[in-house]
Amino acid sequence: MTSLISFEKHYTGNFIVRFKKQKIIVLPGAFLKHTDVSPQATSGSVEVDREALQQLGFIITA
């Protein structure tokens, strides 16, 4: 099962990523590795699986 996350690239190069009510900062290398988003992307949304959500740092409940 996949979930939709949204993201925007901060001026520092890190990504601000949102999932449900959670908002986290993710380093670019980790974000690009777990989402396959183009390095040129500055904002958008992408579907990721549960494992990717956990790898990015989101807290997943049952």
Protein backbone atom coordinates (compact mmCIF):
# COMPACT_ATOMS: atom_id res chain seq x y z
CA MET A 1 0.00 0.00 0.00
CA THR A 2 1.29 3.46 -0.83
CA SER A 3 0.78 6.85 0.79
CA LEU A 4 0.97 10.33 -0.66
CA ILE A 5 3.52 12.76 0.76
CA SER A 6 4.12 16.35 -0.26
CA PHE A 7 7.47 18.10 -0.32
CA GLU A 8 9.17 21.40 -0.92
CA LYS A 9 12.85 22.16 -1.15
CA HIS A 10 14.05 24.63 1.47
CA TYR A 11 16.67 27.24 0.53
CA THR A 12 19.19 25.23 2.61
CA GLY A 13 18.79 22.30 0.20
CA ASN A 14 16.93 20.11 2.69
CA PHE A 15 13.38 18.98 2.00
CA ILE A 16 10.33 19.86 4.08
CA VAL A 17 8.13 16.78 3.83
CA ARG A 18 4.53 16.38 4.99
CA PHE A 19 2.52 13.24 5.66
CA LYS A 20 -0.89 13.54 7.29
CA LYS A 21 -0.31 15.89 10.26
CA GLN A 22 3.44 15.29 10.42
CA LYS A 23 6.00 17.71 8.98
CA ILE A 24 9.70 16.79 8.98
CA ILE A 25 12.98 18.02 7.53
CA VAL A 26 14.82 15.42 5.44
CA LEU A 27 18.35 15.65 4.09
CA PRO A 28 18.47 15.70 0.28
CA GLY A 29 20.38 12.44 -0.10
CA ALA A 30 17.91 10.48 2.00
CA PHE A 31 14.87 12.09 0.40
CA LEU A 32 16.03 11.42 -3.15
CA LYS A 33 17.12 7.85 -2.32
CA HIS A 34 13.77 6.83 -0.82
CA THR A 35 11.45 8.66 -3.22
CA ASP A 36 13.17 8.57 -6.64
CA VAL A 37 12.21 12.23 -7.09
CA SER A 38 14.29 14.15 -9.64
CA PRO A 39 17.11 16.18 -8.02
CA GLN A 40 15.83 19.22 -9.93
CA ALA A 41 12.37 19.04 -8.30
CA THR A 42 11.60 21.87 -5.88
CA SER A 43 8.07 20.96 -4.77
CA GLY A 44 5.35 18.44 -5.40
CA SER A 45 3.92 15.19 -4.17
CA VAL A 46 4.87 11.57 -4.57
CA GLU A 47 3.53 8.18 -3.53
CA VAL A 48 5.77 6.10 -1.28
CA ASP A 49 5.37 2.77 0.46
CA ARG A 50 5.29 2.19 4.21
CA GLU A 51 8.97 1.27 4.35
CA ALA A 52 9.97 4.54 2.65
CA LEU A 53 7.84 6.49 5.13
CA GLN A 54 9.72 4.88 8.00
CA GLN A 55 13.11 5.38 6.34
CA LEU A 56 12.36 9.08 5.87
CA GLY A 57 11.58 9.39 9.59
CA PHE A 58 7.81 9.48 9.83
CA ILE A 59 6.09 7.87 12.81
CA ILE A 60 3.75 5.18 11.53
CA THR A 61 0.94 3.87 13.72
CA ALA A 62 -1.22 0.81 13.10
